[in-house]
Amino acid sequence: MAKIIWSQKAVYDLKDIVEFTAKDSKKYARITGNKLIAKPDILKTNPYLGRVVPELMNKNIRELIEGSYRIIYEIMPDESISILTIHHSARLFRL
């Protein structure tokens, strides 16, 4: 079973998403945050589930989609999963 590690950037992204969403709805912010945290758990048993990030075309950098968000992750040499960033799909992608 792969270990999931959240990068500092991904943690900041999650915090920013929840804080921004909470301005309109604290309830929806909590729901969105929980979904974004839970989604990568599926990678513990199937790390190659997500699609390759088209902008990068690196077989080890992949993404899961949750609502309007792209959860970008990297499969590390030791087969752990590093969550790199959470990106809103309407914004220009930069890693």
PDB file of N, CA and C in Angstrom:
ATOM      1  N   MET A   1       0.851  -1.181   0.000  1.00  0.00           N
ATOM      2  CA  MET A   1       0.000   0.000   0.000  1.00  0.00           C
ATOM      3  C   MET A   1       0.894   1.241   0.000  1.00  0.00           C
ATOM      4  N   ALA A   2       0.652   2.133  -0.943  1.00  0.00           N
ATOM      5  CA  ALA A   2       1.455   3.347  -1.089  1.00  0.00           C
ATOM      6  C   ALA A   2       1.140   4.357   0.023  1.00  0.00           C
ATOM      7  N   LYS A   3       2.166   5.043   0.442  1.00  0.00           N
ATOM      8  CA  LYS A   3       2.006   6.114   1.429  1.00  0.00           C
ATOM      9  C   LYS A   3       1.734   7.417   0.681  1.00  0.00           C
ATOM     10  N   ILE A   4       0.801   8.212   1.178  1.00  0.00           N
ATOM     11  CA  ILE A   4       0.479   9.499   0.557  1.00  0.00           C
ATOM     12  C   ILE A   4       1.080  10.616   1.399  1.00  0.00           C
ATOM     13  N   ILE A   5       1.850  11.473   0.728  1.00  0.00           N
ATOM     14  CA  ILE A   5       2.517  12.595   1.383  1.00  0.00           C
ATOM     15  C   ILE A   5       2.026  13.883   0.724  1.00  0.00           C
ATOM     16  N   TRP A   6       1.543  14.801   1.533  1.00  0.00           N
ATOM     17  CA  TRP A   6       1.082  16.100   1.026  1.00  0.00           C
ATOM     18  C   TRP A   6       2.236  17.097   1.075  1.00  0.00           C
ATOM     19  N   SER A   7       2.554  17.701  -0.065  1.00  0.00           N
ATOM     20  CA  SER A   7       3.591  18.733  -0.099  1.00  0.00           C
ATOM     21  C   SER A   7       3.078  19.985   0.615  1.00  0.00           C
ATOM     22  N   GLN A   8       3.996  20.823   1.002  1.00  0.00           N
ATOM     23  CA  GLN A   8       3.623  22.076   1.655  1.00  0.00           C
ATOM     24  C   GLN A   8       2.752  22.914   0.718  1.00  0.00           C
ATOM     25  N   LYS A   9       3.082  22.930  -0.581  1.00  0.00           N
ATOM     26  CA  LYS A   9       2.293  23.689  -1.545  1.00  0.00           C
ATOM     27  C   LYS A   9       0.861  23.162  -1.613  1.00  0.00           C
ATOM     28  N   ALA A  10       0.696  21.846  -1.637  1.00  0.00           N
ATOM     29  CA  ALA A  10      -0.647  21.263  -1.703  1.00  0.00           C
ATOM     30  C   ALA A  10      -1.458  21.609  -0.454  1.00  0.00           C
ATOM     31  N   VAL A  11      -0.810  21.608   0.704  1.00  0.00           N
ATOM     32  CA  VAL A  11      -1.492  21.972   1.952  1.00  0.00           C
ATOM     33  C   VAL A  11      -1.935  23.434   1.890  1.00  0.00           C
ATOM     34  N   TYR A  12      -1.057  24.313   1.404  1.00  0.00           N
ATOM     35  CA  TYR A  12      -1.424  25.728   1.256  1.00  0.00           C
ATOM     36  C   TYR A  12      -2.559  25.896   0.246  1.00  0.00           C
ATOM     37  N   ASP A  13      -2.487  25.158  -0.858  1.00  0.00           N
ATOM     38  CA  ASP A  13      -3.564  25.223  -1.862  1.00  0.00           C
ATOM     39  C   ASP A  13      -4.901  24.840  -1.240  1.00  0.00           C
ATOM     40  N   LEU A  14      -4.909  23.746  -0.503  1.00  0.00           N
ATOM     41  CA  LEU A  14      -6.134  23.279   0.149  1.00  0.00           C
ATOM     42  C   LEU A  14      -6.665  24.335   1.115  1.00  0.00           C
ATOM     43  N   LYS A  15      -5.785  24.893   1.911  1.00  0.00           N
ATOM     44  CA  LYS A  15      -6.178  25.931   2.871  1.00  0.00           C
ATOM     45  C   LYS A  15      -6.787  27.134   2.148  1.00  0.00           C
ATOM     46  N   ASP A  16      -6.144  27.578   1.063  1.00  0.00           N
ATOM     47  CA  ASP A  16      -6.650  28.718   0.298  1.00  0.00           C
ATOM     48  C   ASP A  16      -8.024  28.426  -0.308  1.00  0.00           C
ATOM     49  N   ILE A  17      -8.200  27.217  -0.832  1.00  0.00           N
ATOM     50  CA  ILE A  17      -9.477  26.832  -1.435  1.00  0.00           C
ATOM     51  C   ILE A  17     -10.585  26.869  -0.381  1.00  0.00           C
ATOM     52  N   VAL A  18     -10.321  26.278   0.769  1.00  0.00           N
ATOM     53  CA  VAL A  18     -11.330  26.234   1.830  1.00  0.00           C
ATOM     54  C   VAL A  18     -11.645  27.642   2.332  1.00  0.00           C
ATOM     55  N   GLU A  19     -10.617  28.466   2.542  1.00  0.00           N
ATOM     56  CA  GLU A  19     -10.857  29.831   3.023  1.00  0.00           C
ATOM     57  C   GLU A  19     -11.648  30.657   2.006  1.00  0.00           C
ATOM     58  N   PHE A  20     -11.299  30.534   0.741  1.00  0.00           N
ATOM     59  CA  PHE A  20     -12.008  31.278  -0.305  1.00  0.00           C
ATOM     60  C   PHE A  20     -13.467  30.835  -0.395  1.00  0.00           C
ATOM     61  N   THR A  21     -13.691  29.533  -0.375  1.00  0.00           N
ATOM     62  CA  THR A  21     -15.048  28.990  -0.475  1.00  0.00           C
ATOM     63  C   THR A  21     -15.875  29.361   0.756  1.00  0.00           C
ATOM     64  N   ALA A  22     -15.244  29.439   1.904  1.00  0.00           N
ATOM     65  CA  ALA A  22     -15.952  29.757   3.152  1.00  0.00           C
ATOM     66  C   ALA A  22     -16.519  31.169   3.152  1.00  0.00           C
ATOM     67  N   LYS A  23     -15.991  32.040   2.316  1.00  0.00           N
ATOM     68  CA  LYS A  23     -16.534  33.404   2.231  1.00  0.00           C
ATOM     69  C   LYS A  23     -17.992  33.379   1.787  1.00  0.00           C
ATOM     70  N   ASP A  24     -18.333  32.380   0.963  1.00  0.00           N
ATOM     71  CA  ASP A  24     -19.716  32.237   0.494  1.00  0.00           C
ATOM     72  C   ASP A  24     -20.509  31.228   1.309  1.00  0.00           C
ATOM     73  N   SER A  25     -19.838  30.130   1.696  1.00  0.00           N
ATOM     74  CA  SER A  25     -20.548  29.070   2.412  1.00  0.00           C
ATOM     75  C   SER A  25     -19.563  28.236   3.231  1.00  0.00           C
ATOM     76  N   LYS A  26     -19.679  28.325   4.533  1.00  0.00           N
ATOM     77  CA  LYS A  26     -18.812  27.519   5.397  1.00  0.00           C
ATOM     78  C   LYS A  26     -19.121  26.030   5.240  1.00  0.00           C
ATOM     79  N   LYS A  27     -20.381  25.730   5.049  1.00  0.00           N
ATOM     80  CA  LYS A  27     -20.779  24.334   4.872  1.00  0.00           C
ATOM     81  C   LYS A  27     -20.159  23.759   3.596  1.00  0.00           C
ATOM     82  N   TYR A  28     -20.285  24.484   2.482  1.00  0.00           N
ATOM     83  CA  TYR A  28     -19.732  24.013   1.218  1.00  0.00           C
ATOM     84  C   TYR A  28     -18.203  23.959   1.277  1.00  0.00           C
ATOM     85  N   ALA A  29     -17.594  24.889   1.992  1.00  0.00           N
ATOM     86  CA  ALA A  29     -16.134  24.877   2.151  1.00  0.00           C
ATOM     87  C   ALA A  29     -15.686  23.609   2.862  1.00  0.00           C
ATOM     88  N   ARG A  30     -16.401  23.225   3.900  1.00  0.00           N
ATOM     89  CA  ARG A  30     -16.072  22.006   4.650  1.00  0.00           C
ATOM     90  C   ARG A  30     -16.244  20.764   3.764  1.00  0.00           C
ATOM     91  N   ILE A  31     -17.339  20.722   3.018  1.00  0.00           N
ATOM     92  CA  ILE A  31     -17.598  19.589   2.123  1.00  0.00           C
ATOM     93  C   ILE A  31     -16.510  19.495   1.053  1.00  0.00           C
ATOM     94  N   THR A  32     -16.182  20.620   0.434  1.00  0.00           N
ATOM     95  CA  THR A  32     -15.155  20.644  -0.610  1.00  0.00           C
ATOM     96  C   THR A  32     -13.810  20.215  -0.046  1.00  0.00           C
ATOM     97  N   GLY A  33     -13.433  20.763   1.096  1.00  0.00           N
ATOM     98  CA  GLY A  33     -12.166  20.394   1.733  1.00  0.00           C
ATOM     99  C   GLY A  33     -12.098  18.907   2.035  1.00  0.00           C
ATOM    100  N   ASN A  34     -13.167  18.359   2.586  1.00  0.00           N
ATOM    101  CA  ASN A  34     -13.191  16.927   2.902  1.00  0.00           C
ATOM    102  C   ASN A  34     -13.069  16.052   1.653  1.00  0.00           C
ATOM    103  N   LYS A  35     -13.725  16.460   0.579  1.00  0.00           N
ATOM    104  CA  LYS A  35     -13.630  15.700  -0.671  1.00  0.00           C
ATOM    105  C   LYS A  35     -12.213  15.734  -1.234  1.00  0.00           C
ATOM    106  N   LEU A  36     -11.596  16.908  -1.185  1.00  0.00           N
ATOM    107  CA  LEU A  36     -10.237  17.041  -1.714  1.00  0.00           C
ATOM    108  C   LEU A  36      -9.228  16.255  -0.882  1.00  0.00           C
ATOM    109  N   ILE A  37      -9.448  16.182   0.409  1.00  0.00           N
ATOM    110  CA  ILE A  37      -8.559  15.398   1.280  1.00  0.00           C
ATOM    111  C   ILE A  37      -8.754  13.900   1.046  1.00  0.00           C
ATOM    112  N   ALA A  38      -9.995  13.476   0.872  1.00  0.00           N
ATOM    113  CA  ALA A  38     -10.301  12.047   0.753  1.00  0.00           C
ATOM    114  C   ALA A  38      -9.971  11.460  -0.614  1.00  0.00           C
ATOM    115  N   LYS A  39     -10.088  12.248  -1.664  1.00  0.00           N
ATOM    116  CA  LYS A  39      -9.936  11.727  -3.031  1.00  0.00           C
ATOM    117  C   LYS A  39      -8.635  10.951  -3.249  1.00  0.00           C
ATOM    118  N   PRO A  40      -7.469  11.450  -2.808  1.00  0.00           N
ATOM    119  CA  PRO A  40      -6.217  10.722  -3.066  1.00  0.00           C
ATOM    120  C   PRO A  40      -6.096   9.382  -2.343  1.00  0.00           C
ATOM    121  N   ASP A  41      -6.948   9.089  -1.381  1.00  0.00           N
ATOM    122  CA  ASP A  41      -6.849   7.809  -0.659  1.00  0.00           C
ATOM    123  C   ASP A  41      -6.933   6.613  -1.599  1.00  0.00           C
ATOM    124  N   ILE A  42      -7.640   6.751  -2.703  1.00  0.00           N
ATOM    125  CA  ILE A  42      -7.765   5.653  -3.657  1.00  0.00           C
ATOM    126  C   ILE A  42      -6.401   5.293  -4.274  1.00  0.00           C
ATOM    127  N   LEU A  43      -5.472   6.240  -4.237  1.00  0.00           N
ATOM    128  CA  LEU A  43      -4.149   6.009  -4.821  1.00  0.00           C
ATOM    129  C   LEU A  43      -3.299   5.052  -3.991  1.00  0.00           C
ATOM    130  N   LYS A  44      -3.676   4.837  -2.742  1.00  0.00           N
ATOM    131  CA  LYS A  44      -2.908   3.933  -1.884  1.00  0.00           C
ATOM    132  C   LYS A  44      -2.823   2.536  -2.483  1.00  0.00           C
ATOM    133  N   THR A  45      -3.878   2.103  -3.142  1.00  0.00           N
ATOM    134  CA  THR A  45      -3.897   0.762  -3.729  1.00  0.00           C
ATOM    135  C   THR A  45      -3.791   0.781  -5.251  1.00  0.00           C
ATOM    136  N   ASN A  46      -3.943   1.941  -5.869  1.00  0.00           N
ATOM    137  CA  ASN A  46      -3.887   2.027  -7.328  1.00  0.00           C
ATOM    138  C   ASN A  46      -3.265   3.363  -7.744  1.00  0.00           C
ATOM    139  N   PRO A  47      -1.950   3.526  -7.567  1.00  0.00           N
ATOM    140  CA  PRO A  47      -1.311   4.826  -7.812  1.00  0.00           C
ATOM    141  C   PRO A  47      -1.384   5.316  -9.259  1.00  0.00           C
ATOM    142  N   TYR A  48      -1.547   4.425 -10.213  1.00  0.00           N
ATOM    143  CA  TYR A  48      -1.598   4.829 -11.618  1.00  0.00           C
ATOM    144  C   TYR A  48      -3.017   5.104 -12.105  1.00  0.00           C
ATOM    145  N   LEU A  49      -3.959   5.220 -11.178  1.00  0.00           N
ATOM    146  CA  LEU A  49      -5.353   5.443 -11.529  1.00  0.00           C
ATOM    147  C   LEU A  49      -5.560   6.766 -12.269  1.00  0.00           C
ATOM    148  N   GLY A  50      -4.933   7.825 -11.808  1.00  0.00           N
ATOM    149  CA  GLY A  50      -5.113   9.135 -12.432  1.00  0.00           C
ATOM    150  C   GLY A  50      -4.491   9.201 -13.813  1.00  0.00           C
ATOM    151  N   ARG A  51      -4.951  10.159 -14.602  1.00  0.00           N
ATOM    152  CA  ARG A  51      -4.386  10.313 -15.938  1.00  0.00           C
ATOM    153  C   ARG A  51      -3.095  11.116 -15.877  1.00  0.00           C
ATOM    154  N   VAL A  52      -2.247  10.922 -16.871  1.00  0.00           N
ATOM    155  CA  VAL A  52      -1.017  11.698 -16.990  1.00  0.00           C
ATOM    156  C   VAL A  52      -1.403  13.157 -17.219  1.00  0.00           C
ATOM    157  N   VAL A  53      -0.731  14.087 -16.534  1.00  0.00           N
ATOM    158  CA  VAL A  53      -1.013  15.515 -16.711  1.00  0.00           C
ATOM    159  C   VAL A  53      -0.623  15.894 -18.141  1.00  0.00           C
ATOM    160  N   PRO A  54      -1.586  16.303 -18.977  1.00  0.00           N
ATOM    161  CA  PRO A  54      -1.307  16.532 -20.394  1.00  0.00           C
ATOM    162  C   PRO A  54      -0.253  17.624 -20.646  1.00  0.00           C
ATOM    163  N   GLU A  55      -0.180  18.615 -19.775  1.00  0.00           N
ATOM    164  CA  GLU A  55       0.788  19.693 -19.967  1.00  0.00           C
ATOM    165  C   GLU A  55       2.228  19.228 -19.733  1.00  0.00           C
ATOM    166  N   LEU A  56       2.398  18.125 -19.016  1.00  0.00           N
ATOM    167  CA  LEU A  56       3.738  17.669 -18.647  1.00  0.00           C
ATOM    168  C   LEU A  56       4.171  16.390 -19.361  1.00  0.00           C
ATOM    169  N   MET A  57       3.213  15.524 -19.669  1.00  0.00           N
ATOM    170  CA  MET A  57       3.489  14.257 -20.349  1.00  0.00           C
ATOM    171  C   MET A  57       4.607  13.456 -19.676  1.00  0.00           C
ATOM    172  N   ASN A  58       4.530  13.362 -18.355  1.00  0.00           N
ATOM    173  CA  ASN A  58       5.459  12.558 -17.559  1.00  0.00           C
ATOM    174  C   ASN A  58       4.621  11.458 -16.921  1.00  0.00           C
ATOM    175  N   LYS A  59       4.957  10.198 -17.198  1.00  0.00           N
ATOM    176  CA  LYS A  59       4.109   9.089 -16.738  1.00  0.00           C
ATOM    177  C   LYS A  59       3.998   9.000 -15.225  1.00  0.00           C
ATOM    178  N   ASN A  60       4.879   9.660 -14.497  1.00  0.00           N
ATOM    179  CA  ASN A  60       4.829   9.619 -13.035  1.00  0.00           C
ATOM    180  C   ASN A  60       4.128  10.827 -12.411  1.00  0.00           C
ATOM    181  N   ILE A  61       3.777  11.811 -13.216  1.00  0.00           N
ATOM    182  CA  ILE A  61       3.030  12.970 -12.707  1.00  0.00           C
ATOM    183  C   ILE A  61       1.627  12.886 -13.287  1.00  0.00           C
ATOM    184  N   ARG A  62       0.668  12.682 -12.400  1.00  0.00           N
ATOM    185  CA  ARG A  62      -0.699  12.378 -12.789  1.00  0.00           C
ATOM    186  C   ARG A  62      -1.680  13.270 -12.040  1.00  0.00           C
ATOM    187  N   GLU A  63      -2.935  13.132 -12.369  1.00  0.00           N
ATOM    188  CA  GLU A  63      -3.952  13.954 -11.723  1.00  0.00           C
ATOM    189  C   GLU A  63      -5.238  13.180 -11.509  1.00  0.00           C
ATOM    190  N   LEU A  64      -5.905  13.565 -10.433  1.00  0.00           N
ATOM    191  CA  LEU A  64      -7.270  13.131 -10.158  1.00  0.00           C
ATOM    192  C   LEU A  64      -8.138  14.378 -10.253  1.00  0.00           C
ATOM    193  N   ILE A  65      -9.349  14.214 -10.693  1.00  0.00           N
ATOM    194  CA  ILE A  65     -10.288  15.328 -10.790  1.00  0.00           C
ATOM    195  C   ILE A  65     -11.316  15.203  -9.675  1.00  0.00           C
ATOM    196  N   GLU A  66     -11.531  16.313  -8.974  1.00  0.00           N
ATOM    197  CA  GLU A  66     -12.585  16.380  -7.954  1.00  0.00           C
ATOM    198  C   GLU A  66     -13.315  17.698  -8.163  1.00  0.00           C
ATOM    199  N   GLY A  67     -14.492  17.620  -8.739  1.00  0.00           N
ATOM    200  CA  GLY A  67     -15.245  18.834  -9.053  1.00  0.00           C
ATOM    201  C   GLY A  67     -14.470  19.673 -10.059  1.00  0.00           C
ATOM    202  N   SER A  68     -14.213  20.927  -9.714  1.00  0.00           N
ATOM    203  CA  SER A  68     -13.465  21.836 -10.588  1.00  0.00           C
ATOM    204  C   SER A  68     -11.965  21.811 -10.312  1.00  0.00           C
ATOM    205  N   TYR A  69     -11.525  20.894  -9.485  1.00  0.00           N
ATOM    206  CA  TYR A  69     -10.120  20.875  -9.062  1.00  0.00           C
ATOM    207  C   TYR A  69      -9.348  19.698  -9.628  1.00  0.00           C
ATOM    208  N   ARG A  70      -8.097  19.956  -9.924  1.00  0.00           N
ATOM    209  CA  ARG A  70      -7.159  18.939 -10.380  1.00  0.00           C
ATOM    210  C   ARG A  70      -6.189  18.676  -9.220  1.00  0.00           C
ATOM    211  N   ILE A  71      -6.158  17.463  -8.742  1.00  0.00           N
ATOM    212  CA  ILE A  71      -5.227  17.075  -7.680  1.00  0.00           C
ATOM    213  C   ILE A  71      -4.032  16.448  -8.395  1.00  0.00           C
ATOM    214  N   ILE A  72      -2.937  17.201  -8.445  1.00  0.00           N
ATOM    215  CA  ILE A  72      -1.747  16.779  -9.174  1.00  0.00           C
ATOM    216  C   ILE A  72      -0.829  16.038  -8.205  1.00  0.00           C
ATOM    217  N   TYR A  73      -0.387  14.845  -8.612  1.00  0.00           N
ATOM    218  CA  TYR A  73       0.471  14.050  -7.751  1.00  0.00           C
ATOM    219  C   TYR A  73       1.593  13.398  -8.544  1.00  0.00           C
ATOM    220  N   GLU A  74       2.629  12.999  -7.817  1.00  0.00           N
ATOM    221  CA  GLU A  74       3.765  12.327  -8.426  1.00  0.00           C
ATOM    222  C   GLU A  74       3.968  10.974  -7.763  1.00  0.00           C
ATOM    223  N   ILE A  75       4.192   9.966  -8.584  1.00  0.00           N
ATOM    224  CA  ILE A  75       4.538   8.647  -8.067  1.00  0.00           C
ATOM    225  C   ILE A  75       6.053   8.638  -7.902  1.00  0.00           C
ATOM    226  N   MET A  76       6.502   8.513  -6.664  1.00  0.00           N
ATOM    227  CA  MET A  76       7.920   8.604  -6.350  1.00  0.00           C
ATOM    228  C   MET A  76       8.616   7.254  -6.601  1.00  0.00           C
ATOM    229  N   PRO A  77       9.954   7.260  -6.708  1.00  0.00           N
ATOM    230  CA  PRO A  77      10.680   6.001  -6.946  1.00  0.00           C
ATOM    231  C   PRO A  77      10.396   4.913  -5.904  1.00  0.00           C
ATOM    232  N   ASP A  78      10.147   5.311  -4.655  1.00  0.00           N
ATOM    233  CA  ASP A  78       9.838   4.318  -3.618  1.00  0.00           C
ATOM    234  C   ASP A  78       8.354   3.930  -3.638  1.00  0.00           C
ATOM    235  N   GLU A  79       7.629   4.408  -4.661  1.00  0.00           N
ATOM    236  CA  GLU A  79       6.210   4.157  -4.890  1.00  0.00           C
ATOM    237  C   GLU A  79       5.284   4.860  -3.901  1.00  0.00           C
ATOM    238  N   SER A  80       5.829   5.797  -3.119  1.00  0.00           N
ATOM    239  CA  SER A  80       4.943   6.653  -2.337  1.00  0.00           C
ATOM    240  C   SER A  80       4.330   7.680  -3.296  1.00  0.00           C
ATOM    241  N   ILE A  81       3.276   8.324  -2.843  1.00  0.00           N
ATOM    242  CA  ILE A  81       2.560   9.304  -3.655  1.00  0.00           C
ATOM    243  C   ILE A  81       2.760  10.676  -3.022  1.00  0.00           C
ATOM    244  N   SER A  82       3.255  11.620  -3.802  1.00  0.00           N
ATOM    245  CA  SER A  82       3.424  12.990  -3.326  1.00  0.00           C
ATOM    246  C   SER A  82       2.363  13.869  -3.981  1.00  0.00           C
ATOM    247  N   ILE A  83       1.461  14.419  -3.169  1.00  0.00           N
ATOM    248  CA  ILE A  83       0.459  15.352  -3.682  1.00  0.00           C
ATOM    249  C   ILE A  83       1.187  16.678  -3.875  1.00  0.00           C
ATOM    250  N   LEU A  84       1.297  17.122  -5.126  1.00  0.00           N
ATOM    251  CA  LEU A  84       2.093  18.305  -5.448  1.00  0.00           C
ATOM    252  C   LEU A  84       1.314  19.601  -5.327  1.00  0.00           C
ATOM    253  N   THR A  85       0.087  19.596  -5.828  1.00  0.00           N
ATOM    254  CA  THR A  85      -0.718  20.819  -5.825  1.00  0.00           C
ATOM    255  C   THR A  85      -2.184  20.465  -6.052  1.00  0.00           C
ATOM    256  N   ILE A  86      -3.051  21.378  -5.673  1.00  0.00           N
ATOM    257  CA  ILE A  86      -4.470  21.290  -6.016  1.00  0.00           C
ATOM    258  C   ILE A  86      -4.751  22.537  -6.839  1.00  0.00           C
ATOM    259  N   HIS A  87      -5.216  22.314  -8.038  1.00  0.00           N
ATOM    260  CA  HIS A  87      -5.310  23.390  -9.012  1.00  0.00           C
ATOM    261  C   HIS A  87      -6.741  23.531  -9.522  1.00  0.00           C
ATOM    262  N   HIS A  88      -7.269  24.754  -9.528  1.00  0.00           N
ATOM    263  CA  HIS A  88      -8.593  24.979 -10.091  1.00  0.00           C
ATOM    264  C   HIS A  88      -8.492  24.941 -11.606  1.00  0.00           C
ATOM    265  N   SER A  89      -9.358  24.164 -12.229  1.00  0.00           N
ATOM    266  CA  SER A  89      -9.243  23.919 -13.669  1.00  0.00           C
ATOM    267  C   SER A  89      -9.467  25.163 -14.531  1.00  0.00           C
ATOM    268  N   ALA A  90     -10.081  26.207 -13.991  1.00  0.00           N
ATOM    269  CA  ALA A  90     -10.313  27.423 -14.762  1.00  0.00           C
ATOM    270  C   ALA A  90      -9.074  28.323 -14.830  1.00  0.00           C
ATOM    271  N   ARG A  91      -8.078  28.017 -14.011  1.00  0.00           N
ATOM    272  CA  ARG A  91      -6.872  28.852 -13.973  1.00  0.00           C
ATOM    273  C   ARG A  91      -5.785  28.253 -14.852  1.00  0.00           C
ATOM    274  N   LEU A  92      -4.852  29.105 -15.258  1.00  0.00           N
ATOM    275  CA  LEU A  92      -3.701  28.670 -16.048  1.00  0.00           C
ATOM    276  C   LEU A  92      -2.856  27.742 -15.204  1.00  0.00           C
ATOM    277  N   PHE A  93      -2.478  26.592 -15.763  1.00  0.00           N
ATOM    278  CA  PHE A  93      -1.723  25.597 -15.010  1.00  0.00           C
ATOM    279  C   PHE A  93      -0.243  25.943 -14.935  1.00  0.00           C
ATOM    280  N   ARG A  94       0.281  25.924 -13.725  1.00  0.00           N
ATOM    281  CA  ARG A  94       1.714  26.057 -13.464  1.00  0.00           C
ATOM    282  C   ARG A  94       2.040  25.121 -12.321  1.00  0.00           C
ATOM    283  N   LEU A  95       3.123  24.352 -12.459  1.00  0.00           N
ATOM    284  CA  LEU A  95       3.496  23.439 -11.390  1.00  0.00           C
ATOM    285  C   LEU A  95       4.574  24.016 -10.540  1.00  0.00           C
TER     286      LEU A  95
END
